[in-house]
Amino acid sequence: MSKKPVQRVKHVPQRTCVGCREVQPKRKMVRVVRTAEGVQVDPTSKLAGRGAYLHDRRECWERGLKGALAHALKTTLTSNDRARLEDFMNTLPVEVEAAEMSPQSVGTGK
């Protein structure tokens, strides 16, 4: 008898959003990194420095900027860092409230 080759399941790195604490694949998250120049968004996820991850949702960024992000990066956010991160946050789409899209209100005009 010959053995069948075993299909290996590829490992997908998981990260936790510091805004909502939800765990998702690393590729679906936005990395923020602390470098010598300050805190900045890392679109390539390859910059050297201490990193933290957030979803690409504005609500996660708002919660993160209240203090969770600074705690995860073990630093205090300067006004320049905060302005840079808020500029990026403002490019993110605003989430539609779940109550507005409930099945009861769709098509009823409520």
N, C-alpha and C. Protein backbone atom coordinates (compact mmCIF):
# COMPACT_ATOMS: atom_id res chain seq x y z
N MET A 1 0.82 -1.19 0.00
CA MET A 1 0.00 0.00 0.00
C MET A 1 0.87 1.25 0.00
N SER A 2 0.43 2.22 -0.76
CA SER A 2 1.15 3.49 -0.76
C SER A 2 0.36 4.50 0.07
N LYS A 3 1.09 5.32 0.77
CA LYS A 3 0.42 6.34 1.61
C LYS A 3 0.08 7.55 0.76
N LYS A 4 -1.06 8.13 1.04
CA LYS A 4 -1.46 9.35 0.37
C LYS A 4 -0.71 10.52 0.99
N PRO A 5 -0.32 11.49 0.18
CA PRO A 5 0.35 12.66 0.77
C PRO A 5 -0.64 13.44 1.63
N VAL A 6 -0.17 13.87 2.77
CA VAL A 6 -1.02 14.60 3.71
C VAL A 6 -1.05 16.07 3.30
N GLN A 7 -2.26 16.60 3.16
CA GLN A 7 -2.41 18.03 2.86
C GLN A 7 -2.24 18.81 4.15
N ARG A 8 -1.28 19.70 4.16
CA ARG A 8 -1.07 20.53 5.34
C ARG A 8 -1.95 21.76 5.27
N VAL A 9 -2.53 22.11 6.38
CA VAL A 9 -3.32 23.32 6.48
C VAL A 9 -2.36 24.47 6.76
N LYS A 10 -2.43 25.48 5.92
CA LYS A 10 -1.52 26.60 6.08
C LYS A 10 -1.89 27.43 7.31
N HIS A 11 -0.89 27.74 8.10
CA HIS A 11 -1.09 28.54 9.30
C HIS A 11 -1.36 29.99 8.91
N VAL A 12 -2.44 30.57 9.45
CA VAL A 12 -2.78 31.96 9.19
C VAL A 12 -2.56 32.74 10.48
N PRO A 13 -1.62 33.70 10.49
CA PRO A 13 -1.36 34.46 11.71
C PRO A 13 -2.60 35.24 12.15
N GLN A 14 -2.91 35.20 13.43
CA GLN A 14 -4.06 35.89 13.99
C GLN A 14 -3.59 37.07 14.84
N ARG A 15 -4.34 38.16 14.81
CA ARG A 15 -4.04 39.33 15.63
C ARG A 15 -5.32 39.83 16.27
N THR A 16 -5.18 40.53 17.40
CA THR A 16 -6.31 41.08 18.13
C THR A 16 -6.39 42.58 17.90
N CYS A 17 -7.57 43.06 17.56
CA CYS A 17 -7.81 44.50 17.39
C CYS A 17 -7.79 45.14 18.77
N VAL A 18 -6.99 46.19 18.97
CA VAL A 18 -6.93 46.84 20.26
C VAL A 18 -8.16 47.70 20.54
N GLY A 19 -8.96 47.96 19.50
CA GLY A 19 -10.18 48.74 19.69
C GLY A 19 -11.34 47.92 20.19
N CYS A 20 -11.57 46.74 19.58
CA CYS A 20 -12.74 45.93 19.94
C CYS A 20 -12.36 44.56 20.51
N ARG A 21 -11.08 44.21 20.53
CA ARG A 21 -10.57 42.96 21.08
C ARG A 21 -11.01 41.74 20.28
N GLU A 22 -11.41 41.91 19.04
CA GLU A 22 -11.80 40.80 18.17
C GLU A 22 -10.57 40.25 17.47
N VAL A 23 -10.46 38.92 17.38
CA VAL A 23 -9.32 38.27 16.75
C VAL A 23 -9.67 37.96 15.30
N GLN A 24 -8.80 38.38 14.39
CA GLN A 24 -8.98 38.13 12.97
C GLN A 24 -7.62 37.88 12.32
N PRO A 25 -7.62 37.41 11.06
CA PRO A 25 -6.34 37.22 10.37
C PRO A 25 -5.58 38.54 10.25
N LYS A 26 -4.28 38.44 10.38
CA LYS A 26 -3.39 39.60 10.35
C LYS A 26 -3.57 40.44 9.08
N ARG A 27 -3.81 39.79 7.95
CA ARG A 27 -3.93 40.50 6.67
C ARG A 27 -5.15 41.40 6.59
N LYS A 28 -6.16 41.15 7.43
CA LYS A 28 -7.39 41.96 7.40
C LYS A 28 -7.31 43.15 8.33
N MET A 29 -6.18 43.32 9.02
CA MET A 29 -6.04 44.38 10.01
C MET A 29 -5.07 45.46 9.51
N VAL A 30 -5.14 46.62 10.14
CA VAL A 30 -4.23 47.73 9.84
C VAL A 30 -3.23 47.80 10.98
N ARG A 31 -1.95 47.78 10.65
CA ARG A 31 -0.90 47.83 11.67
C ARG A 31 -0.49 49.26 11.94
N VAL A 32 -0.37 49.59 13.22
CA VAL A 32 0.15 50.87 13.66
C VAL A 32 1.43 50.56 14.40
N VAL A 33 2.50 51.30 14.10
CA VAL A 33 3.80 50.97 14.66
C VAL A 33 4.42 52.18 15.37
N ARG A 34 5.13 51.91 16.46
CA ARG A 34 5.88 52.94 17.18
C ARG A 34 7.32 52.86 16.71
N THR A 35 7.80 53.94 16.12
CA THR A 35 9.19 54.01 15.66
C THR A 35 9.87 55.18 16.37
N ALA A 36 11.13 55.40 16.04
CA ALA A 36 11.87 56.52 16.62
C ALA A 36 11.28 57.86 16.17
N GLU A 37 10.65 57.88 14.99
CA GLU A 37 10.05 59.11 14.47
C GLU A 37 8.67 59.37 15.06
N GLY A 38 8.09 58.40 15.74
CA GLY A 38 6.76 58.56 16.31
C GLY A 38 5.87 57.39 15.90
N VAL A 39 4.59 57.54 16.18
CA VAL A 39 3.61 56.50 15.86
C VAL A 39 3.07 56.77 14.47
N GLN A 40 3.00 55.71 13.65
CA GLN A 40 2.50 55.88 12.29
C GLN A 40 1.82 54.62 11.80
N VAL A 41 0.99 54.77 10.77
CA VAL A 41 0.32 53.64 10.15
C VAL A 41 1.34 52.91 9.27
N ASP A 42 1.33 51.59 9.33
CA ASP A 42 2.27 50.76 8.58
C ASP A 42 1.50 49.94 7.55
N PRO A 43 1.31 50.46 6.34
CA PRO A 43 0.52 49.73 5.34
C PRO A 43 1.17 48.43 4.86
N THR A 44 2.49 48.33 4.96
CA THR A 44 3.18 47.12 4.49
C THR A 44 3.33 46.07 5.59
N SER A 45 3.10 46.46 6.83
CA SER A 45 3.29 45.59 8.01
C SER A 45 4.72 45.09 8.13
N LYS A 46 5.67 45.87 7.64
CA LYS A 46 7.07 45.44 7.68
C LYS A 46 7.99 46.43 8.38
N LEU A 47 7.47 47.56 8.83
CA LEU A 47 8.32 48.53 9.51
C LEU A 47 8.81 47.95 10.84
N ALA A 48 10.03 48.30 11.20
CA ALA A 48 10.59 47.86 12.47
C ALA A 48 9.99 48.69 13.59
N GLY A 49 9.71 48.06 14.69
CA GLY A 49 9.16 48.77 15.84
C GLY A 49 8.02 47.99 16.47
N ARG A 50 7.58 48.48 17.60
CA ARG A 50 6.48 47.82 18.30
C ARG A 50 5.17 48.12 17.58
N GLY A 51 4.41 47.09 17.29
CA GLY A 51 3.19 47.27 16.52
C GLY A 51 1.94 46.89 17.28
N ALA A 52 0.82 47.43 16.81
CA ALA A 52 -0.51 47.08 17.31
C ALA A 52 -1.44 47.06 16.11
N TYR A 53 -2.54 46.33 16.22
CA TYR A 53 -3.43 46.14 15.09
C TYR A 53 -4.83 46.66 15.39
N LEU A 54 -5.44 47.26 14.36
CA LEU A 54 -6.82 47.76 14.43
C LEU A 54 -7.55 47.34 13.17
N HIS A 55 -8.88 47.18 13.28
CA HIS A 55 -9.69 46.94 12.09
C HIS A 55 -9.72 48.21 11.24
N ASP A 56 -10.20 48.08 10.03
CA ASP A 56 -10.35 49.26 9.18
C ASP A 56 -11.75 49.86 9.37
N ARG A 57 -12.21 49.85 10.61
CA ARG A 57 -13.51 50.44 10.96
C ARG A 57 -13.27 51.65 11.86
N ARG A 58 -14.00 52.70 11.61
CA ARG A 58 -13.80 53.94 12.36
C ARG A 58 -14.07 53.76 13.86
N GLU A 59 -15.05 52.94 14.21
CA GLU A 59 -15.38 52.77 15.63
C GLU A 59 -14.22 52.13 16.39
N CYS A 60 -13.49 51.23 15.77
CA CYS A 60 -12.32 50.62 16.42
C CYS A 60 -11.22 51.66 16.60
N TRP A 61 -11.03 52.51 15.60
CA TRP A 61 -10.00 53.55 15.69
C TRP A 61 -10.34 54.56 16.77
N GLU A 62 -11.64 54.92 16.89
CA GLU A 62 -12.03 55.88 17.92
C GLU A 62 -11.76 55.32 19.30
N ARG A 63 -12.11 54.05 19.52
CA ARG A 63 -11.84 53.41 20.81
C ARG A 63 -10.34 53.28 21.05
N GLY A 64 -9.60 52.93 20.00
CA GLY A 64 -8.15 52.78 20.14
C GLY A 64 -7.47 54.07 20.51
N LEU A 65 -7.90 55.17 19.91
CA LEU A 65 -7.28 56.46 20.17
C LEU A 65 -7.62 57.00 21.56
N LYS A 66 -8.63 56.44 22.21
CA LYS A 66 -8.97 56.88 23.56
C LYS A 66 -7.94 56.42 24.58
N GLY A 67 -7.10 55.45 24.22
CA GLY A 67 -6.07 55.03 25.16
C GLY A 67 -5.56 53.61 24.95
N ALA A 68 -6.37 52.76 24.34
CA ALA A 68 -5.96 51.36 24.16
C ALA A 68 -4.75 51.25 23.23
N LEU A 69 -4.70 52.08 22.21
CA LEU A 69 -3.59 52.04 21.26
C LEU A 69 -2.28 52.46 21.94
N ALA A 70 -2.33 53.55 22.69
CA ALA A 70 -1.13 54.01 23.40
C ALA A 70 -0.66 52.96 24.40
N HIS A 71 -1.58 52.29 25.06
CA HIS A 71 -1.20 51.24 26.02
C HIS A 71 -0.56 50.06 25.30
N ALA A 72 -1.13 49.66 24.16
CA ALA A 72 -0.58 48.52 23.41
C ALA A 72 0.82 48.83 22.87
N LEU A 73 1.05 50.09 22.49
CA LEU A 73 2.35 50.48 21.95
C LEU A 73 3.34 50.87 23.06
N LYS A 74 2.88 50.87 24.31
CA LYS A 74 3.69 51.24 25.46
C LYS A 74 4.34 52.62 25.28
N THR A 75 3.50 53.59 24.94
CA THR A 75 3.97 54.96 24.73
C THR A 75 2.81 55.91 24.98
N THR A 76 3.09 57.20 24.97
CA THR A 76 2.03 58.19 25.00
C THR A 76 1.98 58.83 23.61
N LEU A 77 0.78 59.06 23.12
CA LEU A 77 0.63 59.64 21.80
C LEU A 77 0.83 61.15 21.88
N THR A 78 1.75 61.67 21.09
CA THR A 78 1.95 63.11 21.02
C THR A 78 0.84 63.72 20.17
N SER A 79 0.74 65.03 20.18
CA SER A 79 -0.30 65.68 19.38
C SER A 79 -0.08 65.44 17.89
N ASN A 80 1.20 65.37 17.46
CA ASN A 80 1.49 65.08 16.06
C ASN A 80 1.08 63.65 15.69
N ASP A 81 1.37 62.70 16.58
CA ASP A 81 0.99 61.31 16.35
C ASP A 81 -0.53 61.19 16.26
N ARG A 82 -1.21 61.81 17.21
CA ARG A 82 -2.67 61.74 17.24
C ARG A 82 -3.27 62.37 15.98
N ALA A 83 -2.72 63.49 15.53
CA ALA A 83 -3.24 64.14 14.32
C ALA A 83 -3.03 63.25 13.10
N ARG A 84 -1.87 62.62 13.00
CA ARG A 84 -1.57 61.73 11.88
C ARG A 84 -2.54 60.54 11.85
N LEU A 85 -2.79 59.96 13.04
CA LEU A 85 -3.69 58.81 13.12
C LEU A 85 -5.14 59.22 12.88
N GLU A 86 -5.54 60.40 13.35
CA GLU A 86 -6.90 60.87 13.10
C GLU A 86 -7.12 61.17 11.63
N ASP A 87 -6.09 61.68 10.94
CA ASP A 87 -6.21 61.89 9.49
C ASP A 87 -6.47 60.58 8.78
N PHE A 88 -5.75 59.53 9.17
CA PHE A 88 -5.98 58.22 8.57
C PHE A 88 -7.37 57.71 8.93
N MET A 89 -7.77 57.90 10.18
CA MET A 89 -9.09 57.43 10.63
C MET A 89 -10.21 58.10 9.82
N ASN A 90 -10.02 59.37 9.48
CA ASN A 90 -11.06 60.09 8.74
C ASN A 90 -11.20 59.61 7.30
N THR A 91 -10.23 58.85 6.79
CA THR A 91 -10.36 58.28 5.45
C THR A 91 -11.16 56.99 5.47
N LEU A 92 -11.38 56.42 6.66
CA LEU A 92 -12.12 55.17 6.77
C LEU A 92 -13.62 55.42 6.62
N PRO A 93 -14.35 54.44 6.07
CA PRO A 93 -15.81 54.63 5.91
C PRO A 93 -16.51 54.60 7.27
N VAL A 94 -17.59 55.36 7.36
CA VAL A 94 -18.40 55.38 8.56
C VAL A 94 -19.34 54.17 8.50
N GLU A 95 -19.40 53.40 9.59
CA GLU A 95 -20.26 52.22 9.64
C GLU A 95 -21.72 52.65 9.74
N VAL A 96 -22.59 51.94 9.03
CA VAL A 96 -24.03 52.18 9.13
C VAL A 96 -24.51 51.46 10.38
N GLU A 97 -25.33 52.15 11.17
CA GLU A 97 -25.82 51.56 12.41
C GLU A 97 -26.65 50.31 12.12
N ALA A 98 -26.50 49.30 12.93
CA ALA A 98 -27.22 48.04 12.75
C ALA A 98 -28.72 48.25 12.91
N ALA A 99 -29.13 49.20 13.75
CA ALA A 99 -30.55 49.44 13.96
C ALA A 99 -31.20 50.01 12.70
N GLU A 100 -30.46 50.77 11.92
CA GLU A 100 -31.00 51.34 10.70
C GLU A 100 -31.24 50.28 9.64
N MET A 101 -30.48 49.19 9.67
CA MET A 101 -30.57 48.16 8.65
C MET A 101 -31.24 46.89 9.17
N SER A 102 -32.04 46.99 10.24
CA SER A 102 -32.68 45.80 10.78
C SER A 102 -33.71 45.27 9.79
N PRO A 103 -33.97 43.96 9.76
CA PRO A 103 -34.91 43.38 8.81
C PRO A 103 -36.32 43.93 8.96
N GLN A 104 -36.71 44.35 10.17
CA GLN A 104 -38.05 44.88 10.37
C GLN A 104 -38.24 46.22 9.68
N SER A 105 -37.17 47.02 9.60
CA SER A 105 -37.31 48.37 9.05
C SER A 105 -37.08 48.41 7.54
N VAL A 106 -36.55 47.35 6.95
CA VAL A 106 -36.29 47.33 5.52
C VAL A 106 -37.60 47.20 4.78
N GLY A 107 -37.87 48.16 3.91
CA GLY A 107 -39.06 48.11 3.07
C GLY A 107 -40.33 48.58 3.76
N THR A 108 -40.27 48.94 5.03
CA THR A 108 -41.47 49.39 5.73
C THR A 108 -41.52 50.90 5.87
N GLY A 109 -40.41 51.57 5.53
CA GLY A 109 -40.36 53.02 5.61
C GLY A 109 -40.10 53.53 7.00
N LYS A 110 -39.76 52.66 7.94
CA LYS A 110 -39.49 53.09 9.32
C LYS A 110 -38.09 53.62 9.44
